[in-house]
Amino acid sequence: MTNFVCKGFRAVGKCQGVMFRQTVVRGMSNHGIKGGASNDKNNENLVWITMEGDEDKINEFAKKLINTKPLNSWGAQLESLSEVPKNEIIALEKHQVTTNNVDTFKWKKNVEFYLK
C-alpha cells in the first residue's frame, strides 16, 4: 500500500545555471514522482522543489539528491535539502519546470545526468 503525499523542499547549493532543475525533474520522473522546481529570483544558490507521490519514493529520491555529488556533468550539487512546512509548498502548476513541461524547453544538449 502506498502513502501518497505532497512535500516541498528548499534546495541550497550550486543549483542555478547548471541544469539543476532539468536534472531534478527528470530524476523525479524516473522515480515515478510528479514534481516541479523553480529558481529563487533573489538567491542564485536556492531552488524550490515540490514532489507528489509515494512517500517512500520521495524520501529515497531526496536522499539521492543530497548524496549524489555532482548531480550532473555541469557540476550541480546540493549543500542542503530541507523540507518546508505545508503552507510554504509551491503548487506544481506554479513551478517553472515540472514533470509535465520539462520536454517543452530547449535545453542545452551537452549535459550528462548522474542522478539515477
PDB file of N, CA and C in Angstrom:
ATOM      1  N   MET A   1       0.845  -1.178   0.000  1.00  0.00           N
ATOM      2  CA  MET A   1       0.000   0.000   0.000  1.00  0.00           C
ATOM      3  C   MET A   1       0.894   1.246   0.000  1.00  0.00           C
ATOM      4  N   THR A   2       0.545   2.192  -0.848  1.00  0.00           N
ATOM      5  CA  THR A   2       1.343   3.411  -0.932  1.00  0.00           C
ATOM      6  C   THR A   2       0.717   4.521  -0.095  1.00  0.00           C
ATOM      7  N   ASN A   3       1.565   5.399   0.358  1.00  0.00           N
ATOM      8  CA  ASN A   3       1.129   6.554   1.128  1.00  0.00           C
ATOM      9  C   ASN A   3       1.396   7.794   0.278  1.00  0.00           C
ATOM     10  N   PHE A   4       0.358   8.315  -0.408  1.00  0.00           N
ATOM     11  CA  PHE A   4       0.506   9.461  -1.298  1.00  0.00           C
ATOM     12  C   PHE A   4       0.665  10.734  -0.481  1.00  0.00           C
ATOM     13  N   VAL A   5       1.722  11.495  -0.799  1.00  0.00           N
ATOM     14  CA  VAL A   5       1.986  12.747  -0.091  1.00  0.00           C
ATOM     15  C   VAL A   5       2.439  13.824  -1.073  1.00  0.00           C
ATOM     16  N   CYS A   6       2.395  15.054  -0.605  1.00  0.00           N
ATOM     17  CA  CYS A   6       2.971  16.194  -1.319  1.00  0.00           C
ATOM     18  C   CYS A   6       3.956  16.843  -0.353  1.00  0.00           C
ATOM     19  N   LYS A   7       5.221  16.950  -0.794  1.00  0.00           N
ATOM     20  CA  LYS A   7       6.255  17.545   0.050  1.00  0.00           C
ATOM     21  C   LYS A   7       6.949  18.663  -0.710  1.00  0.00           C
ATOM     22  N   GLY A   8       7.324  19.698   0.026  1.00  0.00           N
ATOM     23  CA  GLY A   8       8.081  20.801  -0.543  1.00  0.00           C
ATOM     24  C   GLY A   8       9.461  20.857   0.086  1.00  0.00           C
ATOM     25  N   PHE A   9      10.437  21.277  -0.721  1.00  0.00           N
ATOM     26  CA  PHE A   9      11.819  21.319  -0.250  1.00  0.00           C
ATOM     27  C   PHE A   9      12.497  22.618  -0.645  1.00  0.00           C
ATOM     28  N   ARG A  10      13.449  22.992   0.167  1.00  0.00           N
ATOM     29  CA  ARG A  10      14.330  24.136  -0.072  1.00  0.00           C
ATOM     30  C   ARG A  10      15.703  23.541  -0.356  1.00  0.00           C
ATOM     31  N   ALA A  11      16.173  23.686  -1.609  1.00  0.00           N
ATOM     32  CA  ALA A  11      17.451  23.115  -2.031  1.00  0.00           C
ATOM     33  C   ALA A  11      18.496  24.222  -2.120  1.00  0.00           C
ATOM     34  N   VAL A  12      19.597  24.060  -1.393  1.00  0.00           N
ATOM     35  CA  VAL A  12      20.658  25.068  -1.371  1.00  0.00           C
ATOM     36  C   VAL A  12      21.954  24.434  -1.869  1.00  0.00           C
ATOM     37  N   GLY A  13      22.637  25.151  -2.746  1.00  0.00           N
ATOM     38  CA  GLY A  13      23.918  24.676  -3.262  1.00  0.00           C
ATOM     39  C   GLY A  13      24.214  25.291  -4.613  1.00  0.00           C
ATOM     40  N   LYS A  14      24.981  24.579  -5.396  1.00  0.00           N
ATOM     41  CA  LYS A  14      25.274  25.013  -6.765  1.00  0.00           C
ATOM     42  C   LYS A  14      24.124  24.499  -7.627  1.00  0.00           C
ATOM     43  N   CYS A  15      23.065  25.328  -7.728  1.00  0.00           N
ATOM     44  CA  CYS A  15      21.834  24.817  -8.328  1.00  0.00           C
ATOM     45  C   CYS A  15      21.165  25.769  -9.314  1.00  0.00           C
ATOM     46  N   GLN A  16      21.823  26.847  -9.706  1.00  0.00           N
ATOM     47  CA  GLN A  16      21.282  27.691 -10.778  1.00  0.00           C
ATOM     48  C   GLN A  16      22.364  27.858 -11.833  1.00  0.00           C
ATOM     49  N   GLY A  17      21.961  27.773 -13.093  1.00  0.00           N
ATOM     50  CA  GLY A  17      22.892  27.897 -14.204  1.00  0.00           C
ATOM     51  C   GLY A  17      23.679  26.628 -14.478  1.00  0.00           C
ATOM     52  N   VAL A  18      23.259  25.509 -13.867  1.00  0.00           N
ATOM     53  CA  VAL A  18      23.970  24.238 -14.021  1.00  0.00           C
ATOM     54  C   VAL A  18      23.020  23.080 -14.351  1.00  0.00           C
ATOM     55  N   MET A  19      21.898  23.405 -14.974  1.00  0.00           N
ATOM     56  CA  MET A  19      20.908  22.394 -15.384  1.00  0.00           C
ATOM     57  C   MET A  19      20.322  21.617 -14.203  1.00  0.00           C
ATOM     58  N   PHE A  20      20.303  22.242 -13.028  1.00  0.00           N
ATOM     59  CA  PHE A  20      19.792  21.577 -11.832  1.00  0.00           C
ATOM     60  C   PHE A  20      18.313  21.238 -11.958  1.00  0.00           C
ATOM     61  N   ARG A  21      17.485  22.210 -12.372  1.00  0.00           N
ATOM     62  CA  ARG A  21      16.043  21.951 -12.430  1.00  0.00           C
ATOM     63  C   ARG A  21      15.740  20.802 -13.376  1.00  0.00           C
ATOM     64  N   GLN A  22      16.364  20.802 -14.559  1.00  0.00           N
ATOM     65  CA  GLN A  22      16.134  19.712 -15.509  1.00  0.00           C
ATOM     66  C   GLN A  22      16.589  18.377 -14.912  1.00  0.00           C
ATOM     67  N   THR A  23      17.749  18.372 -14.281  1.00  0.00           N
ATOM     68  CA  THR A  23      18.283  17.151 -13.674  1.00  0.00           C
ATOM     69  C   THR A  23      17.323  16.602 -12.624  1.00  0.00           C
ATOM     70  N   VAL A  24      16.842  17.473 -11.738  1.00  0.00           N
ATOM     71  CA  VAL A  24      15.952  17.047 -10.656  1.00  0.00           C
ATOM     72  C   VAL A  24      14.607  16.569 -11.194  1.00  0.00           C
ATOM     73  N   VAL A  25      14.033  17.320 -12.113  1.00  0.00           N
ATOM     74  CA  VAL A  25      12.706  16.966 -12.632  1.00  0.00           C
ATOM     75  C   VAL A  25      12.767  15.657 -13.421  1.00  0.00           C
ATOM     76  N   ARG A  26      13.795  15.454 -14.216  1.00  0.00           N
ATOM     77  CA  ARG A  26      13.934  14.176 -14.934  1.00  0.00           C
ATOM     78  C   ARG A  26      14.158  13.032 -13.948  1.00  0.00           C
ATOM     79  N   GLY A  27      14.902  13.291 -12.892  1.00  0.00           N
ATOM     80  CA  GLY A  27      15.094  12.280 -11.857  1.00  0.00           C
ATOM     81  C   GLY A  27      13.788  11.906 -11.175  1.00  0.00           C
ATOM     82  N   MET A  28      12.965  12.913 -10.877  1.00  0.00           N
ATOM     83  CA  MET A  28      11.653  12.643 -10.279  1.00  0.00           C
ATOM     84  C   MET A  28      10.841  11.734 -11.190  1.00  0.00           C
ATOM     85  N   SER A  29      10.807  12.096 -12.458  1.00  0.00           N
ATOM     86  CA  SER A  29      10.036  11.327 -13.433  1.00  0.00           C
ATOM     87  C   SER A  29      10.520   9.876 -13.478  1.00  0.00           C
ATOM     88  N   ASN A  30      11.829   9.678 -13.465  1.00  0.00           N
ATOM     89  CA  ASN A  30      12.399   8.324 -13.485  1.00  0.00           C
ATOM     90  C   ASN A  30      12.053   7.524 -12.236  1.00  0.00           C
ATOM     91  N   HIS A  31      11.718   8.192 -11.149  1.00  0.00           N
ATOM     92  CA  HIS A  31      11.361   7.527  -9.893  1.00  0.00           C
ATOM     93  C   HIS A  31       9.847   7.464  -9.662  1.00  0.00           C
ATOM     94  N   GLY A  32       9.063   7.832 -10.675  1.00  0.00           N
ATOM     95  CA  GLY A  32       7.610   7.763 -10.547  1.00  0.00           C
ATOM     96  C   GLY A  32       7.027   8.837  -9.652  1.00  0.00           C
ATOM     97  N   ILE A  33       7.708   9.972  -9.569  1.00  0.00           N
ATOM     98  CA  ILE A  33       7.268  11.091  -8.736  1.00  0.00           C
ATOM     99  C   ILE A  33       6.866  12.247  -9.640  1.00  0.00           C
ATOM    100  N   LYS A  34       5.725  12.867  -9.368  1.00  0.00           N
ATOM    101  CA  LYS A  34       5.355  14.106 -10.051  1.00  0.00           C
ATOM    102  C   LYS A  34       5.980  15.251  -9.278  1.00  0.00           C
ATOM    103  N   GLY A  35       6.415  16.273 -10.008  1.00  0.00           N
ATOM    104  CA  GLY A  35       7.007  17.371  -9.272  1.00  0.00           C
ATOM    105  C   GLY A  35       7.422  18.539 -10.121  1.00  0.00           C
ATOM    106  N   GLY A  36       8.019  19.520  -9.442  1.00  0.00           N
ATOM    107  CA  GLY A  36       8.475  20.720 -10.110  1.00  0.00           C
ATOM    108  C   GLY A  36       9.599  21.381  -9.339  1.00  0.00           C
ATOM    109  N   ALA A  37      10.306  22.281 -10.050  1.00  0.00           N
ATOM    110  CA  ALA A  37      11.415  23.015  -9.442  1.00  0.00           C
ATOM    111  C   ALA A  37      11.439  24.428  -9.998  1.00  0.00           C
ATOM    112  N   SER A  38      11.752  25.386  -9.141  1.00  0.00           N
ATOM    113  CA  SER A  38      11.820  26.797  -9.532  1.00  0.00           C
ATOM    114  C   SER A  38      13.025  27.463  -8.890  1.00  0.00           C
ATOM    115  N   ASN A  39      13.746  28.255  -9.700  1.00  0.00           N
ATOM    116  CA  ASN A  39      14.835  29.066  -9.167  1.00  0.00           C
ATOM    117  C   ASN A  39      14.265  30.151  -8.266  1.00  0.00           C
ATOM    118  N   ASP A  40      14.978  30.465  -7.202  1.00  0.00           N
ATOM    119  CA  ASP A  40      14.639  31.615  -6.373  1.00  0.00           C
ATOM    120  C   ASP A  40      15.227  32.850  -7.046  1.00  0.00           C
ATOM    121  N   LYS A  41      14.395  33.849  -7.309  1.00  0.00           N
ATOM    122  CA  LYS A  41      14.863  35.024  -8.058  1.00  0.00           C
ATOM    123  C   LYS A  41      15.831  35.899  -7.267  1.00  0.00           C
ATOM    124  N   ASN A  42      15.866  35.744  -5.949  1.00  0.00           N
ATOM    125  CA  ASN A  42      16.731  36.581  -5.115  1.00  0.00           C
ATOM    126  C   ASN A  42      17.999  35.887  -4.621  1.00  0.00           C
ATOM    127  N   ASN A  43      18.106  34.579  -4.841  1.00  0.00           N
ATOM    128  CA  ASN A  43      19.244  33.827  -4.313  1.00  0.00           C
ATOM    129  C   ASN A  43      19.655  32.767  -5.324  1.00  0.00           C
ATOM    130  N   GLU A  44      20.804  32.963  -5.960  1.00  0.00           N
ATOM    131  CA  GLU A  44      21.242  32.038  -7.009  1.00  0.00           C
ATOM    132  C   GLU A  44      21.655  30.669  -6.478  1.00  0.00           C
ATOM    133  N   ASN A  45      21.728  30.516  -5.185  1.00  0.00           N
ATOM    134  CA  ASN A  45      22.068  29.228  -4.578  1.00  0.00           C
ATOM    135  C   ASN A  45      20.850  28.502  -4.016  1.00  0.00           C
ATOM    136  N   LEU A  46      19.650  28.916  -4.436  1.00  0.00           N
ATOM    137  CA  LEU A  46      18.422  28.357  -3.873  1.00  0.00           C
ATOM    138  C   LEU A  46      17.430  27.985  -4.967  1.00  0.00           C
ATOM    139  N   VAL A  47      16.898  26.761  -4.861  1.00  0.00           N
ATOM    140  CA  VAL A  47      15.834  26.286  -5.742  1.00  0.00           C
ATOM    141  C   VAL A  47      14.753  25.677  -4.861  1.00  0.00           C
ATOM    142  N   TRP A  48      13.497  25.955  -5.214  1.00  0.00           N
ATOM    143  CA  TRP A  48      12.337  25.407  -4.503  1.00  0.00           C
ATOM    144  C   TRP A  48      11.838  24.190  -5.269  1.00  0.00           C
ATOM    145  N   ILE A  49      11.525  23.112  -4.553  1.00  0.00           N
ATOM    146  CA  ILE A  49      11.113  21.851  -5.167  1.00  0.00           C
ATOM    147  C   ILE A  49       9.816  21.379  -4.519  1.00  0.00           C
ATOM    148  N   THR A  50       8.918  20.845  -5.347  1.00  0.00           N
ATOM    149  CA  THR A  50       7.707  20.187  -4.857  1.00  0.00           C
ATOM    150  C   THR A  50       7.670  18.781  -5.436  1.00  0.00           C
ATOM    151  N   MET A  51       7.329  17.801  -4.611  1.00  0.00           N
ATOM    152  CA  MET A  51       7.203  16.415  -5.069  1.00  0.00           C
ATOM    153  C   MET A  51       5.879  15.837  -4.598  1.00  0.00           C
ATOM    154  N   GLU A  52       5.221  15.106  -5.497  1.00  0.00           N
ATOM    155  CA  GLU A  52       3.974  14.401  -5.172  1.00  0.00           C
ATOM    156  C   GLU A  52       4.134  12.943  -5.554  1.00  0.00           C
ATOM    157  N   GLY A  53       3.713  12.063  -4.645  1.00  0.00           N
ATOM    158  CA  GLY A  53       3.776  10.638  -4.949  1.00  0.00           C
ATOM    159  C   GLY A  53       3.888   9.820  -3.689  1.00  0.00           C
ATOM    160  N   ASP A  54       4.371   8.601  -3.861  1.00  0.00           N
ATOM    161  CA  ASP A  54       4.558   7.683  -2.749  1.00  0.00           C
ATOM    162  C   ASP A  54       5.625   8.235  -1.799  1.00  0.00           C
ATOM    163  N   GLU A  55       5.301   8.286  -0.521  1.00  0.00           N
ATOM    164  CA  GLU A  55       6.205   8.891   0.461  1.00  0.00           C
ATOM    165  C   GLU A  55       7.571   8.209   0.506  1.00  0.00           C
ATOM    166  N   ASP A  56       7.596   6.883   0.416  1.00  0.00           N
ATOM    167  CA  ASP A  56       8.879   6.177   0.444  1.00  0.00           C
ATOM    168  C   ASP A  56       9.739   6.540  -0.760  1.00  0.00           C
ATOM    169  N   LYS A  57       9.122   6.650  -1.940  1.00  0.00           N
ATOM    170  CA  LYS A  57       9.861   7.028  -3.149  1.00  0.00           C
ATOM    171  C   LYS A  57      10.415   8.448  -3.030  1.00  0.00           C
ATOM    172  N   ILE A  58       9.610   9.350  -2.494  1.00  0.00           N
ATOM    173  CA  ILE A  58      10.059  10.736  -2.318  1.00  0.00           C
ATOM    174  C   ILE A  58      11.222  10.795  -1.336  1.00  0.00           C
ATOM    175  N   ASN A  59      11.108  10.090  -0.221  1.00  0.00           N
ATOM    176  CA  ASN A  59      12.179  10.099   0.780  1.00  0.00           C
ATOM    177  C   ASN A  59      13.471   9.514   0.217  1.00  0.00           C
ATOM    178  N   GLU A  60      13.354   8.429  -0.556  1.00  0.00           N
ATOM    179  CA  GLU A  60      14.524   7.807  -1.179  1.00  0.00           C
ATOM    180  C   GLU A  60      15.162   8.763  -2.192  1.00  0.00           C
ATOM    181  N   PHE A  61      14.327   9.408  -2.997  1.00  0.00           N
ATOM    182  CA  PHE A  61      14.838  10.339  -4.000  1.00  0.00           C
ATOM    183  C   PHE A  61      15.506  11.549  -3.340  1.00  0.00           C
ATOM    184  N   ALA A  62      14.919  12.056  -2.273  1.00  0.00           N
ATOM    185  CA  ALA A  62      15.506  13.192  -1.549  1.00  0.00           C
ATOM    186  C   ALA A  62      16.900  12.833  -1.027  1.00  0.00           C
ATOM    187  N   LYS A  63      17.079  11.604  -0.543  1.00  0.00           N
ATOM    188  CA  LYS A  63      18.401  11.160  -0.078  1.00  0.00           C
ATOM    189  C   LYS A  63      19.393  11.143  -1.234  1.00  0.00           C
ATOM    190  N   LYS A  64      18.954  10.676  -2.395  1.00  0.00           N
ATOM    191  CA  LYS A  64      19.833  10.658  -3.572  1.00  0.00           C
ATOM    192  C   LYS A  64      20.213  12.077  -3.985  1.00  0.00           C
ATOM    193  N   LEU A  65      19.271  12.993  -3.885  1.00  0.00           N
ATOM    194  CA  LEU A  65      19.549  14.387  -4.248  1.00  0.00           C
ATOM    195  C   LEU A  65      20.690  14.972  -3.416  1.00  0.00           C
ATOM    196  N   ILE A  66      20.693  14.705  -2.155  1.00  0.00           N
ATOM    197  CA  ILE A  66      21.702  15.292  -1.271  1.00  0.00           C
ATOM    198  C   ILE A  66      23.012  14.499  -1.302  1.00  0.00           C
ATOM    199  N   ASN A  67      22.942  13.198  -1.595  1.00  0.00           N
ATOM    200  CA  ASN A  67      24.141  12.358  -1.542  1.00  0.00           C
ATOM    201  C   ASN A  67      24.882  12.215  -2.864  1.00  0.00           C
ATOM    202  N   THR A  68      24.239  12.472  -3.995  1.00  0.00           N
ATOM    203  CA  THR A  68      24.889  12.350  -5.299  1.00  0.00           C
ATOM    204  C   THR A  68      25.656  13.634  -5.581  1.00  0.00           C
ATOM    205  N   LYS A  69      26.970  13.525  -5.709  1.00  0.00           N
ATOM    206  CA  LYS A  69      27.800  14.720  -5.943  1.00  0.00           C
ATOM    207  C   LYS A  69      28.825  14.412  -7.014  1.00  0.00           C
ATOM    208  N   PRO A  70      28.839  15.126  -8.096  1.00  0.00           N
ATOM    209  CA  PRO A  70      27.827  16.095  -8.510  1.00  0.00           C
ATOM    210  C   PRO A  70      26.601  15.380  -9.078  1.00  0.00           C
ATOM    211  N   LEU A  71      25.528  16.136  -9.292  1.00  0.00           N
ATOM    212  CA  LEU A  71      24.285  15.580  -9.828  1.00  0.00           C
ATOM    213  C   LEU A  71      24.326  15.433 -11.347  1.00  0.00           C
ATOM    214  N   ASN A  72      25.179  16.228 -12.002  1.00  0.00           N
ATOM    215  CA  ASN A  72      25.291  16.165 -13.463  1.00  0.00           C
ATOM    216  C   ASN A  72      26.675  16.649 -13.896  1.00  0.00           C
ATOM    217  N   SER A  73      26.925  16.573 -15.197  1.00  0.00           N
ATOM    218  CA  SER A  73      28.242  16.940 -15.728  1.00  0.00           C
ATOM    219  C   SER A  73      28.509  18.441 -15.693  1.00  0.00           C
ATOM    220  N   TRP A  74      27.517  19.247 -15.355  1.00  0.00           N
ATOM    221  CA  TRP A  74      27.704  20.694 -15.230  1.00  0.00           C
ATOM    222  C   TRP A  74      28.071  21.089 -13.799  1.00  0.00           C
ATOM    223  N   GLY A  75      28.177  20.121 -12.901  1.00  0.00           N
ATOM    224  CA  GLY A  75      28.613  20.400 -11.537  1.00  0.00           C
ATOM    225  C   GLY A  75      27.525  20.748 -10.543  1.00  0.00           C
ATOM    226  N   ALA A  76      26.268  20.512 -10.889  1.00  0.00           N
ATOM    227  CA  ALA A  76      25.177  20.791  -9.946  1.00  0.00           C
ATOM    228  C   ALA A  76      25.320  19.896  -8.719  1.00  0.00           C
ATOM    229  N   GLN A  77      25.190  20.496  -7.534  1.00  0.00           N
ATOM    230  CA  GLN A  77      25.188  19.706  -6.308  1.00  0.00           C
ATOM    231  C   GLN A  77      24.601  20.517  -5.163  1.00  0.00           C
ATOM    232  N   LEU A  78      24.075  19.800  -4.199  1.00  0.00           N
ATOM    233  CA  LEU A  78      23.432  20.450  -3.061  1.00  0.00           C
ATOM    234  C   LEU A  78      24.304  20.418  -1.821  1.00  0.00           C
ATOM    235  N   GLU A  79      24.201  21.489  -1.041  1.00  0.00           N
ATOM    236  CA  GLU A  79      24.798  21.540   0.295  1.00  0.00           C
ATOM    237  C   GLU A  79      23.768  21.108   1.327  1.00  0.00           C
ATOM    238  N   SER A  80      22.496  21.464   1.066  1.00  0.00           N
ATOM    239  CA  SER A  80      21.431  21.081   1.994  1.00  0.00           C
ATOM    240  C   SER A  80      20.107  20.955   1.253  1.00  0.00           C
ATOM    241  N   LEU A  81      19.256  20.119   1.802  1.00  0.00           N
ATOM    242  CA  LEU A  81      17.899  19.927   1.299  1.00  0.00           C
ATOM    243  C   LEU A  81      17.006  19.814   2.521  1.00  0.00           C
ATOM    244  N   SER A  82      16.126  20.796   2.704  1.00  0.00           N
ATOM    245  CA  SER A  82      15.271  20.782   3.888  1.00  0.00           C
ATOM    246  C   SER A  82      13.808  20.853   3.484  1.00  0.00           C
ATOM    247  N   GLU A  83      12.994  20.072   4.194  1.00  0.00           N
ATOM    248  CA  GLU A  83      11.555  20.073   3.927  1.00  0.00           C
ATOM    249  C   GLU A  83      10.947  21.361   4.480  1.00  0.00           C
ATOM    250  N   VAL A  84      10.009  21.926   3.724  1.00  0.00           N
ATOM    251  CA  VAL A  84       9.340  23.158   4.151  1.00  0.00           C
ATOM    252  C   VAL A  84       7.969  22.819   4.734  1.00  0.00           C
ATOM    253  N   PRO A  85       7.415  23.694   5.577  1.00  0.00           N
ATOM    254  CA  PRO A  85       6.067  23.468   6.114  1.00  0.00           C
ATOM    255  C   PRO A  85       5.030  23.413   4.989  1.00  0.00           C
ATOM    256  N   LYS A  86       3.942  22.719   5.237  1.00  0.00           N
ATOM    257  CA  LYS A  86       2.877  22.539   4.232  1.00  0.00           C
ATOM    258  C   LYS A  86       2.414  23.864   3.633  1.00  0.00           C
ATOM    259  N   ASN A  87       2.317  24.913   4.449  1.00  0.00           N
ATOM    260  CA  ASN A  87       1.805  26.196   3.949  1.00  0.00           C
ATOM    261  C   ASN A  87       2.811  26.933   3.065  1.00  0.00           C
ATOM    262  N   GLU A  88       4.037  26.416   2.938  1.00  0.00           N
ATOM    263  CA  GLU A  88       5.050  27.035   2.082  1.00  0.00           C
ATOM    264  C   GLU A  88       5.316  26.239   0.804  1.00  0.00           C
ATOM    265  N   ILE A  89       4.588  25.131   0.622  1.00  0.00           N
ATOM    266  CA  ILE A  89       4.779  24.310  -0.573  1.00  0.00           C
ATOM    267  C   ILE A  89       4.231  25.048  -1.789  1.00  0.00           C
ATOM    268  N   ILE A  90       5.027  25.095  -2.846  1.00  0.00           N
ATOM    269  CA  ILE A  90       4.604  25.728  -4.102  1.00  0.00           C
ATOM    270  C   ILE A  90       3.790  24.715  -4.899  1.00  0.00           C
ATOM    271  N   ALA A  91       2.603  25.124  -5.361  1.00  0.00           N
ATOM    272  CA  ALA A  91       1.755  24.245  -6.173  1.00  0.00           C
ATOM    273  C   ALA A  91       2.499  23.857  -7.445  1.00  0.00           C
ATOM    274  N   LEU A  92       2.324  22.612  -7.884  1.00  0.00           N
ATOM    275  CA  LEU A  92       3.039  22.119  -9.066  1.00  0.00           C
ATOM    276  C   LEU A  92       2.888  23.030 -10.269  1.00  0.00           C
ATOM    277  N   GLU A  93       1.671  23.480 -10.540  1.00  0.00           N
ATOM    278  CA  GLU A  93       1.415  24.289 -11.740  1.00  0.00           C
ATOM    279  C   GLU A  93       2.081  25.664 -11.682  1.00  0.00           C
ATOM    280  N   LYS A  94       2.568  26.060 -10.512  1.00  0.00           N
ATOM    281  CA  LYS A  94       3.240  27.360 -10.367  1.00  0.00           C
ATOM    282  C   LYS A  94       4.755  27.261 -10.591  1.00  0.00           C
ATOM    283  N   HIS A  95       5.278  26.048 -10.660  1.00  0.00           N
ATOM    284  CA  HIS A  95       6.720  25.861 -10.840  1.00  0.00           C
ATOM    285  C   HIS A  95       7.148  26.178 -12.265  1.00  0.00           C
ATOM    286  N   GLN A  96       8.403  26.627 -12.400  1.00  0.00           N
ATOM    287  CA  GLN A  96       8.972  26.945 -13.706  1.00  0.00           C
ATOM    288  C   GLN A  96       9.159  25.683 -14.550  1.00  0.00           C
ATOM    289  N   VAL A  97       9.687  24.628 -13.957  1.00  0.00           N
ATOM    290  CA  VAL A  97       9.932  23.364 -14.656  1.00  0.00           C
ATOM    291  C   VAL A  97       9.230  22.260 -13.881  1.00  0.00           C
ATOM    292  N   THR A  98       8.438  21.447 -14.595  1.00  0.00           N
ATOM    293  CA  THR A  98       7.696  20.361 -13.956  1.00  0.00           C
ATOM    294  C   THR A  98       7.864  19.069 -14.752  1.00  0.00           C
ATOM    295  N   THR A  99       7.411  17.974 -14.155  1.00  0.00           N
ATOM    296  CA  THR A  99       7.434  16.703 -14.872  1.00  0.00           C
ATOM    297  C   THR A  99       6.494  16.744 -16.070  1.00  0.00           C
ATOM    298  N   ASN A 100       5.558  17.677 -16.102  1.00  0.00           N
ATOM    299  CA  ASN A 100       4.648  17.817 -17.244  1.00  0.00           C
ATOM    300  C   ASN A 100       5.227  18.655 -18.372  1.00  0.00           C
ATOM    301  N   ASN A 101       6.115  19.626 -18.067  1.00  0.00           N
ATOM    302  CA  ASN A 101       6.579  20.533 -19.126  1.00  0.00           C
ATOM    303  C   ASN A 101       8.074  20.456 -19.425  1.00  0.00           C
ATOM    304  N   VAL A 102       8.821  19.587 -18.767  1.00  0.00           N
ATOM    305  CA  VAL A 102      10.277  19.551 -18.914  1.00  0.00           C
ATOM    306  C   VAL A 102      10.721  19.372 -20.367  1.00  0.00           C
ATOM    307  N   ASP A 103       9.949  18.651 -21.164  1.00  0.00           N
ATOM    308  CA  ASP A 103      10.341  18.401 -22.556  1.00  0.00           C
ATOM    309  C   ASP A 103       9.980  19.537 -23.500  1.00  0.00           C
ATOM    310  N   THR A 104       9.335  20.579 -23.008  1.00  0.00           N
ATOM    311  CA  THR A 104       8.970  21.709 -23.870  1.00  0.00           C
ATOM    312  C   THR A 104      10.060  22.778 -23.917  1.00  0.00           C
ATOM    313  N   PHE A 105      11.086  22.657 -23.082  1.00  0.00           N
ATOM    314  CA  PHE A 105      12.182  23.628 -23.049  1.00  0.00           C
ATOM    315  C   PHE A 105      13.264  23.238 -24.045  1.00  0.00           C
ATOM    316  N   LYS A 106      13.992  24.221 -24.535  1.00  0.00           N
ATOM    317  CA  LYS A 106      15.132  23.970 -25.421  1.00  0.00           C
ATOM    318  C   LYS A 106      16.401  23.945 -24.568  1.00  0.00           C
ATOM    319  N   TRP A 107      16.599  22.824 -23.888  1.00  0.00           N
ATOM    320  CA  TRP A 107      17.749  22.659 -23.014  1.00  0.00           C
ATOM    321  C   TRP A 107      19.009  22.471 -23.844  1.00  0.00           C
ATOM    322  N   LYS A 108      20.141  22.847 -23.286  1.00  0.00           N
ATOM    323  CA  LYS A 108      21.428  22.532 -23.909  1.00  0.00           C
ATOM    324  C   LYS A 108      21.574  21.015 -23.878  1.00  0.00           C
ATOM    325  N   LYS A 109      22.144  20.462 -24.931  1.00  0.00           N
ATOM    326  CA  LYS A 109      22.182  19.005 -25.072  1.00  0.00           C
ATOM    327  C   LYS A 109      23.413  18.357 -24.448  1.00  0.00           C
ATOM    328  N   ASN A 110      24.380  19.140 -24.022  1.00  0.00           N
ATOM    329  CA  ASN A 110      25.637  18.558 -23.552  1.00  0.00           C
ATOM    330  C   ASN A 110      25.687  18.356 -22.039  1.00  0.00           C
ATOM    331  N   VAL A 111      24.592  17.901 -21.458  1.00  0.00           N
ATOM    332  CA  VAL A 111      24.581  17.631 -20.016  1.00  0.00           C
ATOM    333  C   VAL A 111      24.369  16.133 -19.794  1.00  0.00           C
ATOM    334  N   GLU A 112      25.190  15.566 -18.922  1.00  0.00           N
ATOM    335  CA  GLU A 112      25.059  14.162 -18.560  1.00  0.00           C
ATOM    336  C   GLU A 112      24.510  14.101 -17.139  1.00  0.00           C
ATOM    337  N   PHE A 113      23.486  13.265 -16.937  1.00  0.00           N
ATOM    338  CA  PHE A 113      22.819  13.173 -15.640  1.00  0.00           C
ATOM    339  C   PHE A 113      23.416  12.032 -14.820  1.00  0.00           C
ATOM    340  N   TYR A 114      23.884  12.334 -13.616  1.00  0.00           N
ATOM    341  CA  TYR A 114      24.428  11.314 -12.718  1.00  0.00           C
ATOM    342  C   TYR A 114      23.400  10.873 -11.684  1.00  0.00           C
ATOM    343  N   LEU A 115      22.353  11.649 -11.516  1.00  0.00           N
ATOM    344  CA  LEU A 115      21.291  11.321 -10.564  1.00  0.00           C
ATOM    345  C   LEU A 115      20.460  10.195 -11.151  1.00  0.00           C
ATOM    346  N   LYS A 116      20.512   9.036 -10.546  1.00  0.00           N
ATOM    347  CA  LYS A 116      19.802   7.861 -11.080  1.00  0.00           C
ATOM    348  C   LYS A 116      18.656   7.466 -10.186  1.00  0.00           C
TER     349      LYS A 116
END
